[in-house]
Amino acid sequence: MVLSTKCKSCNANFEQSFVVVDRIDLAQKHGEEMGMICKVCGADDIYAPDDFKAVNNVKVRQYAFAAAVVLSLISGTLALTFLNQHQFASLLLTYIIFAVPLVIFFIYIKHDTSAIRLFNRVKLKGHNVNAKMQSTRAKVNISKVSQKENIHTKKQQKLPSERKSSN
């Protein structure tokens, strides 16, 4: 994923590629503070994972689109030459074979766009990533039950031990 940030000294945008899914993954792999050097001014500054924003990698998308078009043309041409053109089923199969690389490209674009949205939506905001995870169970303090009346209903109630003796 390509992450972009602005230099703190000269406000120039610079991008760097990381193999991460979200900001938590970025903080776990590269630390909560990363030192980076600006290519424009040469300033060495420290950046937090929340300073980064995921952007589209234009070159990868262009190469993927070109590869999908070329594969589509090659597979469509091979399907036309090897399948009988007079039958409707073989013609339909040819169009399906022609469309498969383009469908795969659009699935890749959809997946990439959702990954970028996920990265930009979730921020750390001062959470300590390296701290131990807390249990999801909440600790509950149980108070003693009054033998005479329920506080909420103001009615007399019997304890389980009293219920057994009365039966």
N, C-alpha and C. Protein backbone atom coordinates (compact mmCIF):
# COMPACT_ATOMS: atom_id res chain seq x y z
N MET A 1 0.85 -1.16 0.00
CA MET A 1 0.00 0.00 0.00
C MET A 1 0.90 1.23 0.00
N VAL A 2 0.55 2.21 -0.76
CA VAL A 2 1.33 3.45 -0.84
C VAL A 2 0.75 4.44 0.17
N LEU A 3 1.62 4.93 1.06
CA LEU A 3 1.22 5.89 2.07
C LEU A 3 1.85 7.23 1.78
N SER A 4 1.07 8.27 1.96
CA SER A 4 1.53 9.62 1.65
C SER A 4 1.46 10.48 2.91
N THR A 5 2.42 11.39 3.02
CA THR A 5 2.42 12.35 4.12
C THR A 5 3.11 13.62 3.65
N LYS A 6 2.95 14.67 4.42
CA LYS A 6 3.60 15.95 4.10
C LYS A 6 4.82 16.13 4.98
N CYS A 7 5.86 16.68 4.39
CA CYS A 7 7.07 16.99 5.14
C CYS A 7 6.74 18.10 6.15
N LYS A 8 7.25 17.95 7.35
CA LYS A 8 6.99 18.95 8.39
C LYS A 8 7.77 20.23 8.16
N SER A 9 8.85 20.17 7.37
CA SER A 9 9.67 21.35 7.13
C SER A 9 9.21 22.14 5.90
N CYS A 10 9.05 21.44 4.77
CA CYS A 10 8.78 22.16 3.51
C CYS A 10 7.39 21.91 2.95
N ASN A 11 6.55 21.14 3.62
CA ASN A 11 5.18 20.82 3.19
C ASN A 11 5.11 20.10 1.85
N ALA A 12 6.16 19.46 1.43
CA ALA A 12 6.14 18.70 0.18
C ALA A 12 5.55 17.32 0.46
N ASN A 13 4.71 16.87 -0.46
CA ASN A 13 4.15 15.52 -0.33
C ASN A 13 5.19 14.49 -0.73
N PHE A 14 5.33 13.44 0.05
CA PHE A 14 6.16 12.33 -0.38
C PHE A 14 5.47 11.04 -0.02
N GLU A 15 5.69 10.04 -0.87
CA GLU A 15 5.02 8.76 -0.74
C GLU A 15 6.05 7.66 -0.52
N GLN A 16 5.61 6.64 0.22
CA GLN A 16 6.45 5.49 0.43
C GLN A 16 5.56 4.26 0.48
N SER A 17 6.05 3.16 -0.05
CA SER A 17 5.29 1.92 -0.10
C SER A 17 5.55 1.09 1.15
N PHE A 18 4.48 0.61 1.79
CA PHE A 18 4.55 -0.25 2.96
C PHE A 18 3.65 -1.46 2.71
N VAL A 19 4.03 -2.59 3.25
CA VAL A 19 3.20 -3.79 3.16
C VAL A 19 2.41 -3.90 4.46
N VAL A 20 1.31 -3.15 4.55
CA VAL A 20 0.47 -3.12 5.74
C VAL A 20 -0.99 -3.12 5.32
N VAL A 21 -1.86 -3.43 6.30
CA VAL A 21 -3.30 -3.44 6.05
C VAL A 21 -3.96 -2.20 6.64
N ASP A 22 -3.57 -1.85 7.87
CA ASP A 22 -4.15 -0.69 8.53
C ASP A 22 -3.10 -0.02 9.41
N ARG A 23 -3.49 1.03 10.11
CA ARG A 23 -2.54 1.78 10.92
C ARG A 23 -2.00 0.96 12.08
N ILE A 24 -2.81 0.08 12.62
CA ILE A 24 -2.35 -0.77 13.72
C ILE A 24 -1.23 -1.69 13.23
N ASP A 25 -1.42 -2.25 12.05
CA ASP A 25 -0.40 -3.11 11.45
C ASP A 25 0.87 -2.30 11.16
N LEU A 26 0.71 -1.06 10.71
CA LEU A 26 1.85 -0.18 10.46
C LEU A 26 2.62 0.10 11.75
N ALA A 27 1.89 0.38 12.83
CA ALA A 27 2.54 0.65 14.12
C ALA A 27 3.22 -0.59 14.68
N GLN A 28 2.63 -1.75 14.48
CA GLN A 28 3.24 -2.98 15.00
C GLN A 28 4.50 -3.35 14.23
N LYS A 29 4.52 -3.12 12.92
CA LYS A 29 5.68 -3.51 12.11
C LYS A 29 6.80 -2.48 12.14
N HIS A 30 6.45 -1.19 12.17
CA HIS A 30 7.47 -0.14 12.04
C HIS A 30 7.59 0.76 13.26
N GLY A 31 6.79 0.51 14.29
CA GLY A 31 6.87 1.31 15.50
C GLY A 31 5.86 2.44 15.49
N GLU A 32 5.64 2.99 16.68
CA GLU A 32 4.68 4.09 16.80
C GLU A 32 5.26 5.42 16.36
N GLU A 33 6.56 5.48 16.18
CA GLU A 33 7.22 6.68 15.65
C GLU A 33 8.23 6.21 14.61
N MET A 34 8.13 6.80 13.41
CA MET A 34 9.03 6.41 12.32
C MET A 34 9.82 7.63 11.86
N GLY A 35 11.11 7.48 11.77
CA GLY A 35 11.95 8.54 11.25
C GLY A 35 12.03 8.43 9.74
N MET A 36 11.72 9.52 9.04
CA MET A 36 11.77 9.54 7.58
C MET A 36 12.50 10.79 7.12
N ILE A 37 13.17 10.65 5.98
CA ILE A 37 13.93 11.76 5.41
C ILE A 37 13.21 12.26 4.17
N CYS A 38 12.97 13.56 4.10
CA CYS A 38 12.31 14.19 2.95
C CYS A 38 13.29 14.22 1.78
N LYS A 39 12.81 13.86 0.60
CA LYS A 39 13.66 13.86 -0.59
C LYS A 39 13.86 15.26 -1.16
N VAL A 40 12.97 16.19 -0.81
CA VAL A 40 13.06 17.56 -1.34
C VAL A 40 14.03 18.41 -0.53
N CYS A 41 13.79 18.49 0.78
CA CYS A 41 14.62 19.37 1.61
C CYS A 41 15.66 18.63 2.44
N GLY A 42 15.54 17.31 2.56
CA GLY A 42 16.50 16.52 3.32
C GLY A 42 16.29 16.54 4.82
N ALA A 43 15.15 17.04 5.27
CA ALA A 43 14.88 17.10 6.71
C ALA A 43 14.55 15.71 7.23
N ASP A 44 15.08 15.41 8.42
CA ASP A 44 14.83 14.12 9.06
C ASP A 44 13.85 14.35 10.20
N ASP A 45 12.60 13.90 10.02
CA ASP A 45 11.56 14.12 11.02
C ASP A 45 10.96 12.79 11.45
N ILE A 46 10.25 12.84 12.57
CA ILE A 46 9.58 11.66 13.12
C ILE A 46 8.09 11.78 12.83
N TYR A 47 7.50 10.69 12.31
CA TYR A 47 6.09 10.68 11.95
C TYR A 47 5.38 9.56 12.69
N ALA A 48 4.15 9.82 13.09
CA ALA A 48 3.29 8.83 13.74
C ALA A 48 2.46 8.14 12.66
N PRO A 49 1.92 6.96 12.93
CA PRO A 49 1.06 6.30 11.93
C PRO A 49 -0.17 7.10 11.53
N ASP A 50 -0.65 7.97 12.43
CA ASP A 50 -1.81 8.79 12.08
C ASP A 50 -1.46 9.91 11.11
N ASP A 51 -0.18 10.19 10.89
CA ASP A 51 0.23 11.23 9.94
C ASP A 51 0.14 10.75 8.50
N PHE A 52 0.01 9.47 8.28
CA PHE A 52 0.00 8.92 6.93
C PHE A 52 -1.41 8.76 6.40
N LYS A 53 -1.52 8.85 5.08
CA LYS A 53 -2.79 8.67 4.40
C LYS A 53 -2.55 7.73 3.22
N ALA A 54 -3.40 6.72 3.07
CA ALA A 54 -3.25 5.79 1.96
C ALA A 54 -3.76 6.43 0.68
N VAL A 55 -3.03 6.24 -0.41
CA VAL A 55 -3.41 6.79 -1.71
C VAL A 55 -3.35 5.69 -2.77
N ASN A 56 -3.96 5.97 -3.92
CA ASN A 56 -3.92 5.02 -5.03
C ASN A 56 -2.52 4.96 -5.60
N ASN A 57 -2.08 3.76 -5.92
CA ASN A 57 -0.80 3.59 -6.61
C ASN A 57 -1.11 3.59 -8.10
N VAL A 58 -0.90 4.72 -8.74
CA VAL A 58 -1.30 4.93 -10.13
C VAL A 58 -0.53 4.01 -11.07
N LYS A 59 0.75 3.83 -10.84
CA LYS A 59 1.56 3.00 -11.73
C LYS A 59 1.10 1.55 -11.71
N VAL A 60 0.82 1.02 -10.53
CA VAL A 60 0.37 -0.37 -10.43
C VAL A 60 -0.98 -0.54 -11.12
N ARG A 61 -1.87 0.43 -10.95
CA ARG A 61 -3.18 0.35 -11.62
C ARG A 61 -3.04 0.42 -13.14
N GLN A 62 -2.14 1.27 -13.63
CA GLN A 62 -1.94 1.36 -15.07
C GLN A 62 -1.37 0.06 -15.63
N TYR A 63 -0.39 -0.51 -14.94
CA TYR A 63 0.19 -1.78 -15.39
C TYR A 63 -0.84 -2.91 -15.33
N ALA A 64 -1.65 -2.93 -14.29
CA ALA A 64 -2.67 -3.97 -14.16
C ALA A 64 -3.72 -3.84 -15.26
N PHE A 65 -4.10 -2.61 -15.59
CA PHE A 65 -5.08 -2.40 -16.66
C PHE A 65 -4.50 -2.82 -18.01
N ALA A 66 -3.26 -2.44 -18.27
CA ALA A 66 -2.62 -2.82 -19.53
C ALA A 66 -2.50 -4.34 -19.64
N ALA A 67 -2.13 -4.99 -18.54
CA ALA A 67 -2.01 -6.45 -18.55
C ALA A 67 -3.38 -7.09 -18.76
N ALA A 68 -4.42 -6.55 -18.16
CA ALA A 68 -5.77 -7.10 -18.34
C ALA A 68 -6.23 -6.97 -19.78
N VAL A 69 -5.96 -5.82 -20.41
CA VAL A 69 -6.36 -5.63 -21.81
C VAL A 69 -5.60 -6.59 -22.73
N VAL A 70 -4.29 -6.70 -22.51
CA VAL A 70 -3.49 -7.59 -23.36
C VAL A 70 -3.93 -9.04 -23.18
N LEU A 71 -4.11 -9.49 -21.94
CA LEU A 71 -4.57 -10.85 -21.70
C LEU A 71 -5.96 -11.09 -22.26
N SER A 72 -6.80 -10.08 -22.19
CA SER A 72 -8.14 -10.20 -22.74
C SER A 72 -8.10 -10.36 -24.26
N LEU A 73 -7.27 -9.57 -24.91
CA LEU A 73 -7.15 -9.67 -26.37
C LEU A 73 -6.54 -11.01 -26.78
N ILE A 74 -5.53 -11.45 -26.09
CA ILE A 74 -4.88 -12.73 -26.43
C ILE A 74 -5.85 -13.90 -26.20
N SER A 75 -6.50 -13.92 -25.03
CA SER A 75 -7.41 -15.02 -24.74
C SER A 75 -8.63 -15.00 -25.67
N GLY A 76 -9.13 -13.81 -26.01
CA GLY A 76 -10.25 -13.71 -26.94
C GLY A 76 -9.88 -14.17 -28.34
N THR A 77 -8.68 -13.81 -28.80
CA THR A 77 -8.22 -14.24 -30.12
C THR A 77 -8.01 -15.75 -30.17
N LEU A 78 -7.40 -16.30 -29.13
CA LEU A 78 -7.22 -17.75 -29.08
C LEU A 78 -8.56 -18.49 -29.03
N ALA A 79 -9.51 -17.94 -28.29
CA ALA A 79 -10.83 -18.57 -28.21
C ALA A 79 -11.53 -18.52 -29.56
N LEU A 80 -11.39 -17.41 -30.29
CA LEU A 80 -12.02 -17.31 -31.61
C LEU A 80 -11.40 -18.27 -32.61
N THR A 81 -10.10 -18.46 -32.54
CA THR A 81 -9.46 -19.33 -33.52
C THR A 81 -9.69 -20.81 -33.23
N PHE A 82 -9.77 -21.20 -31.95
CA PHE A 82 -9.90 -22.62 -31.64
C PHE A 82 -11.34 -23.08 -31.46
N LEU A 83 -12.26 -22.17 -31.23
CA LEU A 83 -13.66 -22.57 -31.08
C LEU A 83 -14.41 -22.35 -32.39
N ASN A 84 -15.41 -23.15 -32.61
CA ASN A 84 -16.21 -23.01 -33.82
C ASN A 84 -17.05 -21.74 -33.71
N GLN A 85 -17.01 -20.87 -34.71
CA GLN A 85 -17.67 -19.58 -34.64
C GLN A 85 -19.15 -19.65 -35.00
N HIS A 86 -19.62 -20.78 -35.51
CA HIS A 86 -20.99 -20.84 -36.00
C HIS A 86 -21.98 -21.24 -34.92
N GLN A 87 -21.51 -21.73 -33.81
CA GLN A 87 -22.41 -22.13 -32.74
C GLN A 87 -22.54 -21.00 -31.72
N PHE A 88 -23.76 -20.82 -31.24
CA PHE A 88 -24.01 -19.75 -30.28
C PHE A 88 -23.27 -20.00 -28.96
N ALA A 89 -23.21 -21.24 -28.49
CA ALA A 89 -22.56 -21.56 -27.22
C ALA A 89 -21.06 -21.27 -27.29
N SER A 90 -20.43 -21.59 -28.40
CA SER A 90 -18.99 -21.32 -28.50
C SER A 90 -18.72 -19.82 -28.61
N LEU A 91 -19.63 -19.09 -29.27
CA LEU A 91 -19.48 -17.63 -29.35
C LEU A 91 -19.65 -16.99 -27.97
N LEU A 92 -20.61 -17.49 -27.21
CA LEU A 92 -20.81 -16.99 -25.85
C LEU A 92 -19.61 -17.31 -24.97
N LEU A 93 -19.07 -18.51 -25.11
CA LEU A 93 -17.87 -18.90 -24.36
C LEU A 93 -16.68 -18.01 -24.73
N THR A 94 -16.59 -17.64 -26.00
CA THR A 94 -15.52 -16.75 -26.45
C THR A 94 -15.62 -15.39 -25.75
N TYR A 95 -16.83 -14.84 -25.66
CA TYR A 95 -17.00 -13.55 -24.99
C TYR A 95 -16.69 -13.65 -23.49
N ILE A 96 -17.04 -14.78 -22.90
CA ILE A 96 -16.74 -14.96 -21.47
C ILE A 96 -15.23 -15.04 -21.27
N ILE A 97 -14.55 -15.79 -22.13
CA ILE A 97 -13.09 -15.89 -22.03
C ILE A 97 -12.44 -14.53 -22.26
N PHE A 98 -13.01 -13.75 -23.15
CA PHE A 98 -12.51 -12.40 -23.43
C PHE A 98 -12.67 -11.49 -22.21
N ALA A 99 -13.77 -11.66 -21.45
CA ALA A 99 -14.08 -10.75 -20.35
C ALA A 99 -13.41 -11.11 -19.02
N VAL A 100 -12.93 -12.33 -18.86
CA VAL A 100 -12.39 -12.78 -17.58
C VAL A 100 -11.24 -11.91 -17.07
N PRO A 101 -10.22 -11.57 -17.87
CA PRO A 101 -9.14 -10.71 -17.34
C PRO A 101 -9.62 -9.32 -16.92
N LEU A 102 -10.60 -8.78 -17.65
CA LEU A 102 -11.13 -7.46 -17.27
C LEU A 102 -11.92 -7.53 -15.96
N VAL A 103 -12.65 -8.61 -15.76
CA VAL A 103 -13.39 -8.79 -14.50
C VAL A 103 -12.42 -8.92 -13.34
N ILE A 104 -11.35 -9.66 -13.53
CA ILE A 104 -10.33 -9.80 -12.48
C ILE A 104 -9.71 -8.45 -12.16
N PHE A 105 -9.47 -7.63 -13.18
CA PHE A 105 -8.93 -6.28 -12.95
C PHE A 105 -9.89 -5.44 -12.11
N PHE A 106 -11.18 -5.47 -12.43
CA PHE A 106 -12.15 -4.67 -11.67
C PHE A 106 -12.31 -5.18 -10.24
N ILE A 107 -12.17 -6.48 -10.02
CA ILE A 107 -12.20 -7.02 -8.66
C ILE A 107 -10.98 -6.52 -7.89
N TYR A 108 -9.82 -6.48 -8.54
CA TYR A 108 -8.61 -5.95 -7.90
C TYR A 108 -8.80 -4.48 -7.53
N ILE A 109 -9.36 -3.69 -8.42
CA ILE A 109 -9.58 -2.26 -8.15
C ILE A 109 -10.53 -2.08 -6.96
N LYS A 110 -11.59 -2.88 -6.92
CA LYS A 110 -12.55 -2.78 -5.81
C LYS A 110 -11.88 -3.15 -4.49
N HIS A 111 -11.08 -4.21 -4.48
CA HIS A 111 -10.38 -4.63 -3.26
C HIS A 111 -9.37 -3.56 -2.82
N ASP A 112 -8.63 -3.00 -3.75
CA ASP A 112 -7.64 -1.97 -3.43
C ASP A 112 -8.31 -0.72 -2.87
N THR A 113 -9.42 -0.32 -3.46
CA THR A 113 -10.14 0.87 -2.99
C THR A 113 -10.70 0.65 -1.59
N SER A 114 -11.22 -0.54 -1.30
CA SER A 114 -11.74 -0.79 0.04
C SER A 114 -10.60 -0.85 1.07
N ALA A 115 -9.43 -1.35 0.68
CA ALA A 115 -8.28 -1.37 1.60
C ALA A 115 -7.81 0.05 1.90
N ILE A 116 -7.82 0.92 0.91
CA ILE A 116 -7.44 2.33 1.12
C ILE A 116 -8.44 3.01 2.04
N ARG A 117 -9.72 2.77 1.84
CA ARG A 117 -10.74 3.37 2.70
C ARG A 117 -10.60 2.88 4.14
N LEU A 118 -10.34 1.60 4.32
CA LEU A 118 -10.16 1.05 5.67
C LEU A 118 -8.97 1.70 6.37
N PHE A 119 -7.85 1.83 5.66
CA PHE A 119 -6.67 2.44 6.27
C PHE A 119 -6.95 3.88 6.67
N ASN A 120 -7.62 4.65 5.81
CA ASN A 120 -7.86 6.06 6.10
C ASN A 120 -8.96 6.27 7.14
N ARG A 121 -9.81 5.29 7.34
CA ARG A 121 -10.92 5.46 8.28
C ARG A 121 -10.50 5.22 9.73
N VAL A 122 -9.65 4.24 9.98
CA VAL A 122 -9.29 3.85 11.35
C VAL A 122 -7.99 4.54 11.75
N LYS A 123 -8.03 5.31 12.85
CA LYS A 123 -6.84 5.99 13.35
C LYS A 123 -6.49 5.47 14.73
N LEU A 124 -5.21 5.60 15.09
CA LEU A 124 -4.78 5.14 16.41
C LEU A 124 -5.16 6.11 17.51
N LYS A 125 -4.94 7.39 17.30
CA LYS A 125 -5.28 8.46 18.24
C LYS A 125 -4.76 8.21 19.64
N GLY A 126 -3.49 7.89 19.76
CA GLY A 126 -2.85 7.77 21.05
C GLY A 126 -2.99 6.42 21.72
N HIS A 127 -3.55 5.43 21.04
CA HIS A 127 -3.63 4.09 21.64
C HIS A 127 -2.24 3.47 21.66
N ASN A 128 -1.94 2.78 22.73
CA ASN A 128 -0.66 2.11 22.83
C ASN A 128 -0.79 0.73 22.20
N VAL A 129 -0.16 0.53 21.05
CA VAL A 129 -0.29 -0.71 20.30
C VAL A 129 0.47 -1.83 20.98
N ASN A 130 1.56 -1.51 21.65
CA ASN A 130 2.41 -2.53 22.23
C ASN A 130 1.91 -3.02 23.60
N ALA A 131 0.92 -2.35 24.16
CA ALA A 131 0.40 -2.74 25.48
C ALA A 131 -0.34 -4.07 25.37
N LYS A 132 -0.41 -4.77 26.50
CA LYS A 132 -1.12 -6.04 26.50
C LYS A 132 -2.61 -5.79 26.28
N MET A 133 -3.22 -6.71 25.58
CA MET A 133 -4.65 -6.60 25.31
C MET A 133 -5.43 -6.91 26.58
N GLN A 134 -6.45 -6.12 26.85
CA GLN A 134 -7.31 -6.35 28.00
C GLN A 134 -8.33 -7.42 27.66
N SER A 135 -8.75 -8.15 28.64
CA SER A 135 -9.77 -9.17 28.43
C SER A 135 -11.10 -8.50 28.14
N THR A 136 -11.92 -9.16 27.35
CA THR A 136 -13.22 -8.58 27.02
C THR A 136 -14.24 -8.79 28.13
N ARG A 137 -13.92 -9.63 29.09
CA ARG A 137 -14.83 -9.84 30.21
C ARG A 137 -14.73 -8.68 31.19
N ALA A 138 -15.86 -8.17 31.57
CA ALA A 138 -15.89 -7.09 32.56
C ALA A 138 -15.95 -7.70 33.95
N LYS A 139 -15.28 -7.07 34.88
CA LYS A 139 -15.34 -7.53 36.26
C LYS A 139 -16.61 -6.98 36.89
N VAL A 140 -17.37 -7.86 37.51
CA VAL A 140 -18.64 -7.46 38.09
C VAL A 140 -18.57 -7.71 39.59
N ASN A 141 -18.93 -6.70 40.36
CA ASN A 141 -19.03 -6.84 41.81
C ASN A 141 -20.46 -7.20 42.15
N ILE A 142 -20.63 -8.28 42.85
CA ILE A 142 -21.97 -8.72 43.22
C ILE A 142 -22.21 -8.31 44.67
N SER A 143 -23.26 -7.57 44.87
CA SER A 143 -23.58 -7.13 46.22
C SER A 143 -24.48 -8.17 46.88
N LYS A 144 -24.55 -8.09 48.19
CA LYS A 144 -25.37 -9.04 48.95
C LYS A 144 -26.84 -8.74 48.69
N VAL A 145 -27.62 -9.80 48.61
CA VAL A 145 -29.05 -9.66 48.38
C VAL A 145 -29.75 -9.52 49.73
N SER A 146 -30.60 -8.54 49.80
CA SER A 146 -31.36 -8.34 51.03
C SER A 146 -32.37 -9.47 51.19
N GLN A 147 -32.49 -9.97 52.41
CA GLN A 147 -33.40 -11.09 52.64
C GLN A 147 -34.85 -10.62 52.76
N LYS A 148 -35.03 -9.39 53.06
CA LYS A 148 -36.38 -8.92 53.33
C LYS A 148 -37.12 -8.43 52.08
N GLU A 149 -36.54 -7.46 51.35
CA GLU A 149 -37.27 -6.93 50.19
C GLU A 149 -36.31 -6.54 49.08
N ASN A 150 -36.82 -6.60 47.88
CA ASN A 150 -36.05 -6.21 46.70
C ASN A 150 -36.04 -4.69 46.62
N ILE A 151 -34.89 -4.11 46.35
CA ILE A 151 -34.75 -2.66 46.34
C ILE A 151 -35.54 -2.05 45.18
N HIS A 152 -35.56 -2.71 44.02
CA HIS A 152 -36.21 -2.15 42.83
C HIS A 152 -37.72 -2.35 42.83
N THR A 153 -38.18 -3.49 43.31
CA THR A 153 -39.62 -3.77 43.24
C THR A 153 -40.34 -3.54 44.56
N LYS A 154 -39.59 -3.37 45.64
CA LYS A 154 -40.16 -3.14 46.98
C LYS A 154 -41.09 -4.28 47.40
N LYS A 155 -40.83 -5.50 46.92
CA LYS A 155 -41.65 -6.66 47.28
C LYS A 155 -40.81 -7.63 48.08
N GLN A 156 -41.51 -8.44 48.87
CA GLN A 156 -40.84 -9.47 49.64
C GLN A 156 -40.34 -10.55 48.69
N GLN A 157 -39.19 -11.06 48.95
CA GLN A 157 -38.65 -12.13 48.12
C GLN A 157 -38.04 -13.19 49.01
N LYS A 158 -37.98 -14.42 48.49
CA LYS A 158 -37.40 -15.53 49.21
C LYS A 158 -36.07 -15.89 48.56
N LEU A 159 -35.13 -16.20 49.39
CA LEU A 159 -33.85 -16.67 48.89
C LEU A 159 -34.00 -18.12 48.44
N PRO A 160 -33.09 -18.61 47.58
CA PRO A 160 -33.21 -20.01 47.12
C PRO A 160 -33.21 -21.00 48.27
N SER A 161 -32.48 -20.73 49.33
CA SER A 161 -32.46 -21.67 50.47
C SER A 161 -33.83 -21.70 51.16
N GLU A 162 -34.52 -20.57 51.21
CA GLU A 162 -35.84 -20.50 51.83
C GLU A 162 -36.89 -21.17 50.96
N ARG A 163 -36.71 -21.10 49.64
CA ARG A 163 -37.67 -21.72 48.73
C ARG A 163 -37.65 -23.24 48.87
N LYS A 164 -36.49 -23.82 49.05
CA LYS A 164 -36.38 -25.28 49.20
C LYS A 164 -37.04 -25.75 50.50
N SER A 165 -36.87 -24.98 51.55
CA SER A 165 -37.41 -25.41 52.84
C SER A 165 -38.94 -25.28 52.88
N SER A 166 -39.50 -24.33 52.14
CA SER A 166 -40.94 -24.15 52.15
C SER A 166 -41.66 -25.19 51.31
N ASN A 167 -40.98 -25.78 50.33
CA ASN A 167 -41.61 -26.80 49.48
C ASN A 167 -41.61 -28.09 50.16
